[in-house]
Amino acid sequence: MNIRLATLNDIEPIMQLVAEVVPLMNASGNFQWNSTYPNAGVFTGDINQNQLWVAEIDGQIAGVTAITTDQQAEYANVGMDITQTAIVTHRLAVSIHHRGRRIAEALLLQAEKVALEREIYLLRIDTNSNNKATRRLFPKMGYEFMGDTAFQFRPNLRFYCYEKVLVE
């Protein structure tokens, strides 16, 4: 597996990955993503800011995530101090053809690597309350559950917020 920064040439396979996972997410009651989000424009913006990472296996995009410092204002609702700089993982997805290969874990470890390189020792992430896979994964990776909240852009959904402190 190769973890690397995404390029504009990756947009089409990333969108194919999203098209494959959204129906499965929705079928399991997870409506965090839909036919309009995330879209090519969102991923292009991530690429232009050098914050979109892909996991490649045998030349195919097997996973994707944005590793940013963009925090939701609503994190404050669960006691997170959003004035603290944190590395925040967004838009984490794994291809249905590559499940069970620890790709999500590898992408979360990349977020830790980025954090350490930038001397940022706080990681944050959130997930839809109905996403059972990530709700199991995040604590396994050392993230602490901080609480749940609604986000303005998805007011009818609940999101679980997590935080991890790295050792300096």
Protein backbone atom coordinates (compact mmCIF):
# COMPACT_ATOMS: atom_id res chain seq x y z
CA MET A 1 0.00 0.00 0.00
CA ASN A 2 1.23 3.45 -0.91
CA ILE A 3 -0.10 6.53 0.91
CA ARG A 4 0.45 9.76 -1.03
CA LEU A 5 -0.96 13.21 -1.66
CA ALA A 6 -3.72 13.13 -4.23
CA THR A 7 -3.45 14.89 -7.58
CA LEU A 8 -6.11 16.26 -9.90
CA ASN A 9 -5.69 13.07 -11.96
CA ASP A 10 -7.13 11.17 -8.98
CA ILE A 11 -10.49 12.98 -9.02
CA GLU A 12 -12.24 10.51 -11.34
CA PRO A 13 -11.26 7.36 -9.38
CA ILE A 14 -12.03 9.11 -6.09
CA MET A 15 -15.50 10.00 -7.35
CA GLN A 16 -15.97 6.40 -8.46
CA LEU A 17 -15.03 5.26 -4.94
CA VAL A 18 -17.57 7.71 -3.47
CA ALA A 19 -20.25 6.50 -5.92
CA GLU A 20 -19.65 2.94 -4.69
CA VAL A 21 -19.69 3.66 -0.95
CA VAL A 22 -22.58 6.15 -0.68
CA PRO A 23 -25.34 3.60 -1.45
CA LEU A 24 -23.87 1.22 1.15
CA MET A 25 -23.65 4.02 3.70
CA ASN A 26 -27.24 5.06 3.04
CA ALA A 27 -28.51 1.45 3.14
CA SER A 28 -27.03 1.09 6.64
CA GLY A 29 -28.80 4.25 7.85
CA ASN A 30 -25.75 6.50 7.52
CA PHE A 31 -26.79 9.60 5.56
CA GLN A 32 -23.61 11.60 6.17
CA TRP A 33 -22.86 11.51 2.44
CA ASN A 34 -25.22 11.64 -0.52
CA SER A 35 -25.27 12.29 -4.26
CA THR A 36 -24.13 15.90 -3.81
CA TYR A 37 -21.55 15.59 -1.01
CA PRO A 38 -18.69 15.05 -1.17
CA ASN A 39 -18.28 16.16 -4.74
CA ALA A 40 -15.43 16.75 -7.20
CA GLY A 41 -15.25 20.41 -6.22
CA VAL A 42 -14.69 19.56 -2.57
CA PHE A 43 -11.94 17.09 -3.45
CA THR A 44 -10.37 19.55 -5.92
CA GLY A 45 -10.24 22.15 -3.16
CA ASP A 46 -8.57 19.62 -0.86
CA ILE A 47 -6.00 18.80 -3.55
CA ASN A 48 -5.30 22.48 -4.21
CA GLN A 49 -4.58 22.90 -0.49
CA ASN A 50 -2.33 19.80 -0.40
CA GLN A 51 -4.58 18.14 2.16
CA LEU A 52 -6.10 15.19 0.29
CA TRP A 53 -4.41 11.82 0.70
CA VAL A 54 -5.04 8.56 -1.09
CA ALA A 55 -4.12 4.98 -0.36
CA GLU A 56 -3.10 3.11 -3.49
CA ILE A 57 -3.01 -0.64 -3.92
CA ASP A 58 -1.76 -2.07 -7.23
CA GLY A 59 -2.18 1.34 -8.85
CA GLN A 60 -5.82 1.70 -7.79
CA ILE A 61 -7.26 4.23 -5.34
CA ALA A 62 -8.25 2.09 -2.35
CA GLY A 63 -8.98 4.88 0.13
CA VAL A 64 -9.11 8.62 0.54
CA THR A 65 -9.12 11.21 3.30
CA ALA A 66 -8.60 14.91 3.83
CA ILE A 67 -6.11 15.79 6.57
CA THR A 68 -6.75 19.39 7.55
CA THR A 69 -6.83 21.85 10.41
CA ASP A 70 -10.47 22.72 9.64
CA GLN A 71 -12.60 22.22 12.76
CA GLN A 72 -16.36 22.36 12.97
CA ALA A 73 -17.57 25.18 15.24
CA GLU A 74 -19.94 22.65 16.78
CA TYR A 75 -16.99 20.74 18.29
CA ALA A 76 -17.31 23.30 21.09
CA ASN A 77 -20.69 21.72 21.94
CA VAL A 78 -18.88 18.60 23.19
CA GLY A 79 -16.26 20.49 25.18
CA MET A 80 -13.52 20.71 22.57
CA ASP A 81 -11.53 23.94 22.64
CA ILE A 82 -11.68 24.91 18.98
CA THR A 83 -9.12 27.68 19.52
CA GLN A 84 -6.52 24.88 19.84
CA THR A 85 -4.90 23.92 16.56
CA ALA A 86 -5.70 20.33 15.70
CA ILE A 87 -5.24 18.00 12.77
CA VAL A 88 -8.73 17.02 11.68
CA THR A 89 -9.49 14.08 9.43
CA HIS A 90 -12.41 14.55 7.03
CA ARG A 91 -13.93 12.58 4.14
CA LEU A 92 -12.46 9.19 5.10
CA ALA A 93 -13.59 6.42 2.74
CA VAL A 94 -12.37 3.01 1.66
CA SER A 95 -13.19 1.32 -1.63
CA ILE A 96 -15.68 -1.54 -1.38
CA HIS A 97 -13.14 -3.60 -3.35
CA HIS A 98 -10.40 -3.14 -0.74
CA ARG A 99 -12.20 -3.53 2.57
CA GLY A 100 -10.57 -5.51 5.34
CA ARG A 101 -7.05 -4.42 4.39
CA ARG A 102 -6.58 -1.81 7.15
CA ILE A 103 -6.71 1.08 4.71
CA ALA A 104 -8.67 3.36 7.05
CA GLU A 105 -6.12 2.65 9.78
CA ALA A 106 -3.28 3.51 7.40
CA LEU A 107 -4.93 6.81 6.49
CA LEU A 108 -5.47 7.67 10.17
CA LEU A 109 -1.80 6.89 10.83
CA GLN A 110 -0.96 9.29 7.99
CA ALA A 111 -2.92 11.97 9.86
CA GLU A 112 -0.72 11.28 12.89
CA LYS A 113 2.41 11.53 10.75
CA VAL A 114 1.24 14.88 9.31
CA ALA A 115 0.47 16.11 12.83
CA LEU A 116 3.91 15.20 14.15
CA GLU A 117 5.63 16.74 11.11
CA ARG A 118 3.73 19.96 11.80
CA GLU A 119 4.32 19.72 15.56
CA ILE A 120 0.58 19.55 16.23
CA TYR A 121 -0.18 17.05 18.97
CA LEU A 122 -3.97 17.05 18.87
CA LEU A 123 -6.09 15.04 16.43
CA ARG A 124 -9.84 15.32 15.96
CA ILE A 125 -12.39 13.45 13.88
CA ASP A 126 -16.15 13.04 13.70
CA THR A 127 -18.55 10.54 12.21
CA ASN A 128 -22.26 10.07 11.72
CA SER A 129 -23.79 8.38 14.76
CA ASN A 130 -25.03 5.58 12.48
CA ASN A 131 -21.57 4.75 11.12
CA LYS A 132 -20.86 1.64 13.17
CA ALA A 133 -17.55 0.88 11.45
CA THR A 134 -15.90 4.20 12.31
CA ARG A 135 -17.43 4.19 15.79
CA ARG A 136 -15.50 0.95 16.39
CA LEU A 137 -12.35 2.05 14.53
CA PHE A 138 -11.70 5.41 16.18
CA PRO A 139 -11.44 4.12 19.79
CA LYS A 140 -9.32 1.21 18.55
CA MET A 141 -6.93 3.80 17.09
CA GLY A 142 -6.71 5.63 20.43
CA TYR A 143 -9.35 8.31 19.88
CA GLU A 144 -11.47 9.26 22.88
CA PHE A 145 -15.21 9.81 22.44
CA MET A 146 -15.98 13.42 23.40
CA GLY A 147 -19.73 13.54 22.78
CA ASP A 148 -22.29 13.96 20.05
CA THR A 149 -23.71 17.02 18.34
CA ALA A 150 -25.54 18.18 15.24
CA PHE A 151 -23.76 20.19 12.55
CA GLN A 152 -25.39 23.19 10.90
CA PHE A 153 -24.84 21.69 7.44
CA ARG A 154 -26.59 18.43 8.46
CA PRO A 155 -29.07 19.52 11.19
CA ASN A 156 -31.12 16.31 11.20
CA LEU A 157 -28.14 14.03 11.86
CA ARG A 158 -26.10 13.37 14.99
CA PHE A 159 -22.31 13.24 14.80
CA TYR A 160 -19.96 11.58 17.27
CA CYS A 161 -16.81 13.60 17.96
CA TYR A 162 -13.47 12.08 18.91
CA GLU A 163 -10.08 13.40 19.98
CA LYS A 164 -6.59 11.95 20.33
CA VAL A 165 -3.59 13.53 22.01
CA LEU A 166 -0.17 12.55 20.67
CA VAL A 167 2.92 12.43 22.86
CA GLU A 168 5.41 15.14 22.01
